[in-house]
PDB file of N, CA and C in Angstrom:
ATOM      1  N   UNK A   1     114.919 172.269 124.070  1.00  0.00           N
ATOM      2  CA  UNK A   1     114.672 173.349 125.014  1.00  0.00           C
ATOM      3  C   UNK A   1     113.176 173.572 125.120  1.00  0.00           C
ATOM      4  N   UNK A   2     112.675 173.706 126.328  1.00  0.00           N
ATOM      5  CA  UNK A   2     111.244 173.901 126.538  1.00  0.00           C
ATOM      6  C   UNK A   2     111.041 175.077 127.485  1.00  0.00           C
ATOM      7  N   UNK A   3     110.156 175.963 127.103  1.00  0.00           N
ATOM      8  CA  UNK A   3     109.773 177.060 127.990  1.00  0.00           C
ATOM      9  C   UNK A   3     108.257 177.124 128.025  1.00  0.00           C
ATOM     10  N   UNK A   4     107.696 177.309 129.218  1.00  0.00           N
ATOM     11  CA  UNK A   4     106.249 177.453 129.340  1.00  0.00           C
ATOM     12  C   UNK A   4     105.819 178.728 128.642  1.00  0.00           C
ATOM     13  N   UNK A   5     104.741 178.649 127.862  1.00  0.00           N
ATOM     14  CA  UNK A   5     104.337 179.827 127.123  1.00  0.00           C
ATOM     15  C   UNK A   5     102.851 180.074 127.060  1.00  0.00           C
ATOM     16  N   UNK A   6     102.056 179.057 126.827  1.00  0.00           N
ATOM     17  CA  UNK A   6     100.624 179.258 126.798  1.00  0.00           C
ATOM     18  C   UNK A   6     100.009 179.341 125.421  1.00  0.00           C
ATOM     19  N   UNK A   7     100.563 178.645 124.444  1.00  0.00           N
ATOM     20  CA  UNK A   7     100.008 178.646 123.101  1.00  0.00           C
ATOM     21  C   UNK A   7      99.666 177.242 122.671  1.00  0.00           C
ATOM     22  N   UNK A   8      98.574 177.119 121.919  1.00  0.00           N
ATOM     23  CA  UNK A   8      98.232 175.851 121.318  1.00  0.00           C
ATOM     24  C   UNK A   8      98.842 175.833 119.925  1.00  0.00           C
ATOM     25  N   UNK A   9      99.876 175.027 119.691  1.00  0.00           N
ATOM     26  CA  UNK A   9     100.589 175.080 118.416  1.00  0.00           C
ATOM     27  C   UNK A   9      99.705 174.867 117.198  1.00  0.00           C
ATOM     28  N   UNK A  10      98.659 174.043 117.324  1.00  0.00           N
ATOM     29  CA  UNK A  10      97.797 173.784 116.171  1.00  0.00           C
ATOM     30  C   UNK A  10      97.035 175.038 115.752  1.00  0.00           C
ATOM     31  N   UNK A  11      96.938 176.020 116.643  1.00  0.00           N
ATOM     32  CA  UNK A  11      96.246 177.272 116.330  1.00  0.00           C
ATOM     33  C   UNK A  11      97.182 178.344 115.793  1.00  0.00           C
ATOM     34  N   UNK A  12      98.464 178.033 115.674  1.00  0.00           N
ATOM     35  CA  UNK A  12      99.430 179.006 115.172  1.00  0.00           C
ATOM     36  C   UNK A  12      99.232 179.198 113.674  1.00  0.00           C
ATOM     37  N   UNK A  13      98.991 180.436 113.222  1.00  0.00           N
ATOM     38  CA  UNK A  13      98.812 180.658 111.780  1.00  0.00           C
ATOM     39  C   UNK A  13     100.063 180.280 110.998  1.00  0.00           C
ATOM     40  N   UNK A  14      99.873 179.824 109.769  1.00  0.00           N
ATOM     41  CA  UNK A  14     101.009 179.461 108.919  1.00  0.00           C
ATOM     42  C   UNK A  14     101.952 180.646 108.755  1.00  0.00           C
ATOM     43  N   UNK A  15     103.248 180.384 108.851  1.00  0.00           N
ATOM     44  CA  UNK A  15     104.243 181.424 108.648  1.00  0.00           C
ATOM     45  C   UNK A  15     104.521 182.282 109.868  1.00  0.00           C
ATOM     46  N   UNK A  16     103.801 182.044 110.961  1.00  0.00           N
ATOM     47  CA  UNK A  16     104.034 182.813 112.175  1.00  0.00           C
ATOM     48  C   UNK A  16     105.090 182.129 113.034  1.00  0.00           C
ATOM     49  N   UNK A  17     105.695 182.910 113.909  1.00  0.00           N
ATOM     50  CA  UNK A  17     106.715 182.413 114.817  1.00  0.00           C
ATOM     51  C   UNK A  17     106.323 182.787 116.237  1.00  0.00           C
ATOM     52  N   UNK A  18     107.148 182.394 117.188  1.00  0.00           N
ATOM     53  CA  UNK A  18     106.932 182.771 118.578  1.00  0.00           C
ATOM     54  C   UNK A  18     108.048 183.708 118.997  1.00  0.00           C
ATOM     55  N   UNK A  19     107.676 184.876 119.489  1.00  0.00           N
ATOM     56  CA  UNK A  19     108.646 185.845 119.989  1.00  0.00           C
ATOM     57  C   UNK A  19     108.709 185.687 121.501  1.00  0.00           C
ATOM     58  N   UNK A  20     109.919 185.552 122.035  1.00  0.00           N
ATOM     59  CA  UNK A  20     110.102 185.322 123.464  1.00  0.00           C
ATOM     60  C   UNK A  20     110.978 186.409 124.056  1.00  0.00           C
ATOM     61  N   UNK A  21     110.531 187.003 125.142  1.00  0.00           N
ATOM     62  CA  UNK A  21     111.332 187.983 125.871  1.00  0.00           C
ATOM     63  C   UNK A  21     111.601 187.426 127.260  1.00  0.00           C
ATOM     64  N   UNK A  22     112.861 187.416 127.659  1.00  0.00           N
ATOM     65  CA  UNK A  22     113.258 186.981 128.997  1.00  0.00           C
ATOM     66  C   UNK A  22     113.746 188.189 129.771  1.00  0.00           C
ATOM     67  N   UNK A  23     113.278 188.316 130.998  1.00  0.00           N
ATOM     68  CA  UNK A  23     113.719 189.424 131.829  1.00  0.00           C
ATOM     69  C   UNK A  23     114.191 188.860 133.161  1.00  0.00           C
ATOM     70  N   UNK A  24     115.505 188.893 133.384  1.00  0.00           N
ATOM     71  CA  UNK A  24     116.058 188.371 134.633  1.00  0.00           C
ATOM     72  C   UNK A  24     116.448 189.488 135.588  1.00  0.00           C
ATOM     73  N   UNK A  25     115.927 190.673 135.343  1.00  0.00           N
ATOM     74  CA  UNK A  25     116.225 191.809 136.203  1.00  0.00           C
ATOM     75  C   UNK A  25     117.341 192.668 135.655  1.00  0.00           C
ATOM     76  N   UNK A  26     118.197 192.116 134.821  1.00  0.00           N
ATOM     77  CA  UNK A  26     119.297 192.889 134.257  1.00  0.00           C
ATOM     78  C   UNK A  26     119.327 192.819 132.735  1.00  0.00           C
ATOM     79  N   UNK A  27     118.779 191.757 132.169  1.00  0.00           N
ATOM     80  CA  UNK A  27     118.893 191.548 130.732  1.00  0.00           C
ATOM     81  C   UNK A  27     117.557 191.126 130.151  1.00  0.00           C
ATOM     82  N   UNK A  28     117.191 191.716 129.026  1.00  0.00           N
ATOM     83  CA  UNK A  28     116.023 191.266 128.282  1.00  0.00           C
ATOM     84  C   UNK A  28     116.493 190.825 126.910  1.00  0.00           C
ATOM     85  N   UNK A  29     116.185 189.614 126.544  1.00  0.00           N
ATOM     86  CA  UNK A  29     116.584 189.074 125.256  1.00  0.00           C
ATOM     87  C   UNK A  29     115.342 188.669 124.486  1.00  0.00           C
ATOM     88  N   UNK A  30     115.235 189.090 123.248  1.00  0.00           N
ATOM     89  CA  UNK A  30     114.096 188.723 122.426  1.00  0.00           C
ATOM     90  C   UNK A  30     114.577 187.901 121.251  1.00  0.00           C
ATOM     91  N   UNK A  31     113.926 186.798 121.002  1.00  0.00           N
ATOM     92  CA  UNK A  31     114.278 185.974 119.864  1.00  0.00           C
ATOM     93  C   UNK A  31     113.053 185.534 119.104  1.00  0.00           C
ATOM     94  N   UNK A  32     113.076 185.625 117.795  1.00  0.00           N
ATOM     95  CA  UNK A  32     112.021 185.066 116.966  1.00  0.00           C
ATOM     96  C   UNK A  32     112.443 183.652 116.631  1.00  0.00           C
ATOM     97  N   UNK A  33     111.662 182.695 117.077  1.00  0.00           N
ATOM     98  CA  UNK A  33     112.101 181.309 117.031  1.00  0.00           C
ATOM     99  C   UNK A  33     111.187 180.469 116.155  1.00  0.00           C
ATOM    100  N   UNK A  34     111.557 179.237 115.984  1.00  0.00           N
ATOM    101  CA  UNK A  34     110.836 178.352 115.076  1.00  0.00           C
ATOM    102  C   UNK A  34     109.393 178.141 115.516  1.00  0.00           C
ATOM    103  N   UNK A  35     108.533 177.875 114.550  1.00  0.00           N
ATOM    104  CA  UNK A  35     107.139 177.577 114.844  1.00  0.00           C
ATOM    105  C   UNK A  35     107.073 176.425 115.838  1.00  0.00           C
ATOM    106  N   UNK A  36     106.288 176.549 116.901  1.00  0.00           N
ATOM    107  CA  UNK A  36     106.233 175.496 117.908  1.00  0.00           C
ATOM    108  C   UNK A  36     105.625 174.216 117.355  1.00  0.00           C
ATOM    109  N   UNK A  37     106.039 173.096 117.933  1.00  0.00           N
ATOM    110  CA  UNK A  37     105.508 171.799 117.519  1.00  0.00           C
ATOM    111  C   UNK A  37     104.265 171.466 118.337  1.00  0.00           C
ATOM    112  N   UNK A  38     103.574 170.417 117.921  1.00  0.00           N
ATOM    113  CA  UNK A  38     102.387 169.987 118.656  1.00  0.00           C
ATOM    114  C   UNK A  38     102.769 169.523 120.056  1.00  0.00           C
ATOM    115  N   UNK A  39     101.847 169.677 120.986  1.00  0.00           N
ATOM    116  CA  UNK A  39     102.118 169.209 122.336  1.00  0.00           C
ATOM    117  C   UNK A  39     101.198 169.887 123.328  1.00  0.00           C
ATOM    118  N   UNK A  40     101.577 169.847 124.577  1.00  0.00           N
ATOM    119  CA  UNK A  40     100.831 170.485 125.643  1.00  0.00           C
ATOM    120  C   UNK A  40     100.644 171.960 125.304  1.00  0.00           C
ATOM    121  N   UNK A  41      99.422 172.480 125.407  1.00  0.00           N
ATOM    122  CA  UNK A  41      99.202 173.881 125.025  1.00  0.00           C
ATOM    123  C   UNK A  41      99.938 174.891 125.899  1.00  0.00           C
ATOM    124  N   UNK A  42     100.471 174.455 127.032  1.00  0.00           N
ATOM    125  CA  UNK A  42     101.210 175.382 127.886  1.00  0.00           C
ATOM    126  C   UNK A  42     102.704 175.270 127.698  1.00  0.00           C
ATOM    127  N   UNK A  43     103.126 174.582 126.661  1.00  0.00           N
ATOM    128  CA  UNK A  43     104.556 174.400 126.435  1.00  0.00           C
ATOM    129  C   UNK A  43     104.918 174.835 125.029  1.00  0.00           C
ATOM    130  N   UNK A  44     106.002 175.573 124.903  1.00  0.00           N
ATOM    131  CA  UNK A  44     106.555 175.924 123.605  1.00  0.00           C
ATOM    132  C   UNK A  44     107.884 175.190 123.466  1.00  0.00           C
ATOM    133  N   UNK A  45     108.036 174.467 122.367  1.00  0.00           N
ATOM    134  CA  UNK A  45     109.279 173.742 122.104  1.00  0.00           C
ATOM    135  C   UNK A  45     110.089 174.530 121.099  1.00  0.00           C
ATOM    136  N   UNK A  46     111.358 174.717 121.366  1.00  0.00           N
ATOM    137  CA  UNK A  46     112.217 175.478 120.474  1.00  0.00           C
ATOM    138  C   UNK A  46     113.267 174.580 119.838  1.00  0.00           C
ATOM    139  N   UNK A  47     113.746 174.993 118.696  1.00  0.00           N
ATOM    140  CA  UNK A  47     114.825 174.259 118.049  1.00  0.00           C
ATOM    141  C   UNK A  47     116.113 174.446 118.842  1.00  0.00           C
ATOM    142  N   UNK A  48     117.044 173.513 118.684  1.00  0.00           N
ATOM    143  CA  UNK A  48     118.309 173.565 119.418  1.00  0.00           C
ATOM    144  C   UNK A  48     119.144 174.786 119.059  1.00  0.00           C
ATOM    145  N   UNK A  49     118.877 175.388 117.898  1.00  0.00           N
ATOM    146  CA  UNK A  49     119.677 176.515 117.451  1.00  0.00           C
ATOM    147  C   UNK A  49     119.351 177.834 118.116  1.00  0.00           C
ATOM    148  N   UNK A  50     118.331 177.859 118.980  1.00  0.00           N
ATOM    149  CA  UNK A  50     117.949 179.103 119.638  1.00  0.00           C
ATOM    150  C   UNK A  50     118.848 179.332 120.845  1.00  0.00           C
ATOM    151  N   UNK A  51     119.478 180.485 120.903  1.00  0.00           N
ATOM    152  CA  UNK A  51     120.398 180.799 121.989  1.00  0.00           C
ATOM    153  C   UNK A  51     119.825 181.937 122.815  1.00  0.00           C
ATOM    154  N   UNK A  52     119.241 181.601 123.957  1.00  0.00           N
ATOM    155  CA  UNK A  52     118.662 182.615 124.831  1.00  0.00           C
ATOM    156  C   UNK A  52     119.504 182.837 126.083  1.00  0.00           C
ATOM    157  N   UNK A  53     120.655 182.194 126.164  1.00  0.00           N
ATOM    158  CA  UNK A  53     121.594 182.400 127.271  1.00  0.00           C
ATOM    159  C   UNK A  53     120.956 182.200 128.644  1.00  0.00           C
ATOM    160  N   UNK A  54     120.268 181.093 128.817  1.00  0.00           N
ATOM    161  CA  UNK A  54     119.675 180.793 130.116  1.00  0.00           C
ATOM    162  C   UNK A  54     120.726 180.198 131.037  1.00  0.00           C
ATOM    163  N   UNK A  55     120.706 180.596 132.305  1.00  0.00           N
ATOM    164  CA  UNK A  55     121.652 180.102 133.298  1.00  0.00           C
ATOM    165  C   UNK A  55     120.965 179.018 134.124  1.00  0.00           C
ATOM    166  N   UNK A  56     121.630 177.882 134.283  1.00  0.00           N
ATOM    167  CA  UNK A  56     121.067 176.778 135.054  1.00  0.00           C
ATOM    168  C   UNK A  56     120.707 177.246 136.463  1.00  0.00           C
ATOM    169  N   UNK A  57     119.481 176.962 136.870  1.00  0.00           N
ATOM    170  CA  UNK A  57     119.037 177.304 138.207  1.00  0.00           C
ATOM    171  C   UNK A  57     118.468 178.697 138.353  1.00  0.00           C
ATOM    172  N   UNK A  58     118.642 179.548 137.359  1.00  0.00           N
ATOM    173  CA  UNK A  58     118.106 180.905 137.442  1.00  0.00           C
ATOM    174  C   UNK A  58     116.619 180.923 137.093  1.00  0.00           C
ATOM    175  N   UNK A  59     115.924 181.909 137.632  1.00  0.00           N
ATOM    176  CA  UNK A  59     114.502 182.080 137.375  1.00  0.00           C
ATOM    177  C   UNK A  59     114.297 183.305 136.504  1.00  0.00           C
ATOM    178  N   UNK A  60     113.438 183.159 135.502  1.00  0.00           N
ATOM    179  CA  UNK A  60     113.186 184.229 134.538  1.00  0.00           C
ATOM    180  C   UNK A  60     111.692 184.506 134.425  1.00  0.00           C
ATOM    181  N   UNK A  61     111.358 185.759 134.182  1.00  0.00           N
ATOM    182  CA  UNK A  61     110.011 186.102 133.758  1.00  0.00           C
ATOM    183  C   UNK A  61     110.006 185.975 132.243  1.00  0.00           C
ATOM    184  N   UNK A  62     109.144 185.108 131.728  1.00  0.00           N
ATOM    185  CA  UNK A  62     109.111 184.821 130.300  1.00  0.00           C
ATOM    186  C   UNK A  62     107.814 185.358 129.713  1.00  0.00           C
ATOM    187  N   UNK A  63     107.941 186.185 128.700  1.00  0.00           N
ATOM    188  CA  UNK A  63     106.776 186.665 127.972  1.00  0.00           C
ATOM    189  C   UNK A  63     106.866 186.142 126.549  1.00  0.00           C
ATOM    190  N   UNK A  64     105.825 185.465 126.108  1.00  0.00           N
ATOM    191  CA  UNK A  64     105.810 184.896 124.764  1.00  0.00           C
ATOM    192  C   UNK A  64     104.569 185.373 124.028  1.00  0.00           C
ATOM    193  N   UNK A  65     104.726 185.576 122.726  1.00  0.00           N
ATOM    194  CA  UNK A  65     103.577 185.938 121.903  1.00  0.00           C
ATOM    195  C   UNK A  65     103.842 185.486 120.472  1.00  0.00           C
ATOM    196  N   UNK A  66     102.779 185.285 119.728  1.00  0.00           N
ATOM    197  CA  UNK A  66     102.912 184.944 118.320  1.00  0.00           C
ATOM    198  C   UNK A  66     103.349 186.174 117.546  1.00  0.00           C
ATOM    199  N   UNK A  67     104.093 185.956 116.469  1.00  0.00           N
ATOM    200  CA  UNK A  67     104.674 187.057 115.707  1.00  0.00           C
ATOM    201  C   UNK A  67     104.678 186.692 114.233  1.00  0.00           C
ATOM    202  N   UNK A  68     104.143 187.577 113.397  1.00  0.00           N
ATOM    203  CA  UNK A  68     104.169 187.384 111.948  1.00  0.00           C
ATOM    204  C   UNK A  68     105.324 188.195 111.383  1.00  0.00           C
ATOM    205  N   UNK A  69     106.400 187.546 110.928  1.00  0.00           N
ATOM    206  CA  UNK A  69     107.569 188.289 110.457  1.00  0.00           C
ATOM    207  C   UNK A  69     107.309 189.088 109.184  1.00  0.00           C
ATOM    208  N   UNK A  70     106.252 188.751 108.458  1.00  0.00           N
ATOM    209  CA  UNK A  70     105.950 189.462 107.215  1.00  0.00           C
ATOM    210  C   UNK A  70     105.281 190.801 107.482  1.00  0.00           C
ATOM    211  N   UNK A  71     104.310 190.801 108.403  1.00  0.00           N
ATOM    212  CA  UNK A  71     103.527 192.016 108.664  1.00  0.00           C
ATOM    213  C   UNK A  71     103.873 192.671 109.995  1.00  0.00           C
ATOM    214  N   UNK A  72     104.665 191.998 110.823  1.00  0.00           N
ATOM    215  CA  UNK A  72     105.001 192.432 112.185  1.00  0.00           C
ATOM    216  C   UNK A  72     103.794 192.423 113.117  1.00  0.00           C
ATOM    217  N   UNK A  73     102.704 191.787 112.701  1.00  0.00           N
ATOM    218  CA  UNK A  73     101.540 191.645 113.565  1.00  0.00           C
ATOM    219  C   UNK A  73     101.879 190.686 114.697  1.00  0.00           C
ATOM    220  N   UNK A  74     101.372 190.975 115.895  1.00  0.00           N
ATOM    221  CA  UNK A  74     101.633 190.109 117.041  1.00  0.00           C
ATOM    222  C   UNK A  74     100.332 189.649 117.667  1.00  0.00           C
ATOM    223  N   UNK A  75     100.408 188.523 118.343  1.00  0.00           N
ATOM    224  CA  UNK A  75      99.287 188.031 119.122  1.00  0.00           C
ATOM    225  C   UNK A  75      99.399 188.527 120.553  1.00  0.00           C
ATOM    226  N   UNK A  76      98.414 188.200 121.388  1.00  0.00           N
ATOM    227  CA  UNK A  76      98.462 188.644 122.784  1.00  0.00           C
ATOM    228  C   UNK A  76      99.586 187.950 123.542  1.00  0.00           C
ATOM    229  N   UNK A  77     100.247 188.663 124.447  1.00  0.00           N
ATOM    230  CA  UNK A  77     101.346 188.058 125.198  1.00  0.00           C
ATOM    231  C   UNK A  77     100.850 187.145 126.316  1.00  0.00           C
ATOM    232  N   UNK A  78     101.637 186.141 126.637  1.00  0.00           N
ATOM    233  CA  UNK A  78     101.409 185.285 127.795  1.00  0.00           C
ATOM    234  C   UNK A  78     102.685 185.329 128.624  1.00  0.00           C
ATOM    235  N   UNK A  79     102.543 185.566 129.922  1.00  0.00           N
ATOM    236  CA  UNK A  79     103.713 185.695 130.789  1.00  0.00           C
ATOM    237  C   UNK A  79     103.688 184.609 131.857  1.00  0.00           C
ATOM    238  N   UNK A  80     104.845 184.049 132.135  1.00  0.00           N
ATOM    239  CA  UNK A  80     104.968 183.032 133.167  1.00  0.00           C
ATOM    240  C   UNK A  80     106.341 183.159 133.821  1.00  0.00           C
ATOM    241  N   UNK A  81     106.528 182.481 134.932  1.00  0.00           N
ATOM    242  CA  UNK A  81     107.834 182.423 135.590  1.00  0.00           C
ATOM    243  C   UNK A  81     108.458 181.074 135.272  1.00  0.00           C
ATOM    244  N   UNK A  82     109.699 181.091 134.815  1.00  0.00           N
ATOM    245  CA  UNK A  82     110.398 179.874 134.398  1.00  0.00           C
ATOM    246  C   UNK A  82     111.699 179.741 135.178  1.00  0.00           C
ATOM    247  N   UNK A  83     111.868 178.620 135.887  1.00  0.00           N
ATOM    248  CA  UNK A  83     113.146 178.303 136.517  1.00  0.00           C
ATOM    249  C   UNK A  83     113.857 177.311 135.616  1.00  0.00           C
ATOM    250  N   UNK A  84     115.025 177.700 135.132  1.00  0.00           N
ATOM    251  CA  UNK A  84     115.724 176.898 134.132  1.00  0.00           C
ATOM    252  C   UNK A  84     116.513 175.780 134.786  1.00  0.00           C
ATOM    253  N   UNK A  85     116.243 174.548 134.371  1.00  0.00           N
ATOM    254  CA  UNK A  85     116.994 173.397 134.855  1.00  0.00           C
ATOM    255  C   UNK A  85     117.809 172.824 133.709  1.00  0.00           C
ATOM    256  N   UNK A  86     118.948 172.261 134.024  1.00  0.00           N
ATOM    257  CA  UNK A  86     119.842 171.720 132.998  1.00  0.00           C
ATOM    258  C   UNK A  86     120.059 170.236 133.212  1.00  0.00           C
TER     259      UNK A  86
END
């Protein structure tokens, strides 16, 4: 699963995760997901176990930010529009 986010994975502090909020006009879902892997700095790769209930063909406003589960500290949010393809 890939969602555009705007983070450079190599700059992610150890032990931090990516928090993602999806807003489709009716539902907002937030998930703390696995540390992103290396790749394009505008792409966040998630593990297969993340269930964000995306509907094929639907468009979502995606807000992503770094999240430290130990201290609850967050990084600045990045927002983009994502059309989900299956």
